[in-house]
């Protein structure tokens, strides 16, 4: 399995960190992708930095 957001991607068992560009703006969002070795439930976490 491969997870891709913009130009950032990670395959099963991998972690990838980078900046994801917001189309149509100059904004870039720091992002970390962590893909488990097996398929199953997932967790999404977001933080506004405060």
Protein backbone atom coordinates (compact mmCIF):
# COMPACT_ATOMS: atom_id res chain seq x y z
CA UNK A 1 0.00 0.00 0.00
CA UNK A 2 1.22 3.52 -0.76
CA UNK A 3 -0.16 6.74 0.73
CA UNK A 4 0.42 9.92 -1.27
CA UNK A 5 -0.40 13.55 -0.46
CA UNK A 6 0.87 15.99 -3.06
CA UNK A 7 4.51 15.06 -3.79
CA UNK A 8 4.93 13.32 -0.40
CA UNK A 9 4.50 9.53 -0.31
CA UNK A 10 5.15 6.56 1.97
CA UNK A 11 4.77 2.81 1.43
CA UNK A 12 3.84 0.09 3.93
CA UNK A 13 6.12 0.21 6.98
CA UNK A 14 7.54 3.65 6.11
CA UNK A 15 7.41 7.19 7.52
CA UNK A 16 7.82 10.27 5.32
CA UNK A 17 8.10 13.89 6.40
CA UNK A 18 7.93 16.99 4.22
CA UNK A 19 6.03 20.07 3.17
CA UNK A 20 2.79 19.77 1.18
CA UNK A 21 1.97 22.69 -1.11
CA UNK A 22 -1.56 24.10 -1.08
CA UNK A 23 -2.59 24.52 -4.74
CA UNK A 24 -3.23 28.09 -5.85
CA UNK A 25 -1.36 29.61 -2.88
CA UNK A 26 2.18 30.05 -1.60
CA UNK A 27 1.32 28.05 1.54
CA UNK A 28 3.15 24.88 2.51
CA UNK A 29 1.95 22.63 5.34
CA UNK A 30 4.40 20.50 7.35
CA UNK A 31 3.16 16.92 7.06
CA UNK A 32 4.16 13.49 8.36
CA UNK A 33 2.84 10.30 6.78
CA UNK A 34 3.16 7.02 8.69
CA UNK A 35 1.97 3.86 6.95
CA UNK A 36 1.61 0.65 8.94
CA UNK A 37 2.93 -2.67 7.73
CA UNK A 38 -0.58 -4.20 7.68
CA UNK A 39 -3.92 -2.82 6.49
CA UNK A 40 -6.42 -1.98 9.21
CA UNK A 41 -7.82 0.90 11.24
CA UNK A 42 -6.22 4.32 10.95
CA UNK A 43 -5.73 7.44 13.01
CA UNK A 44 -5.65 10.99 11.72
CA UNK A 45 -4.28 13.74 13.91
CA UNK A 46 -4.10 17.44 13.22
CA UNK A 47 -2.62 20.25 15.28
CA UNK A 48 -2.75 23.98 14.79
CA UNK A 49 0.51 24.45 16.73
CA UNK A 50 -1.02 26.21 19.74
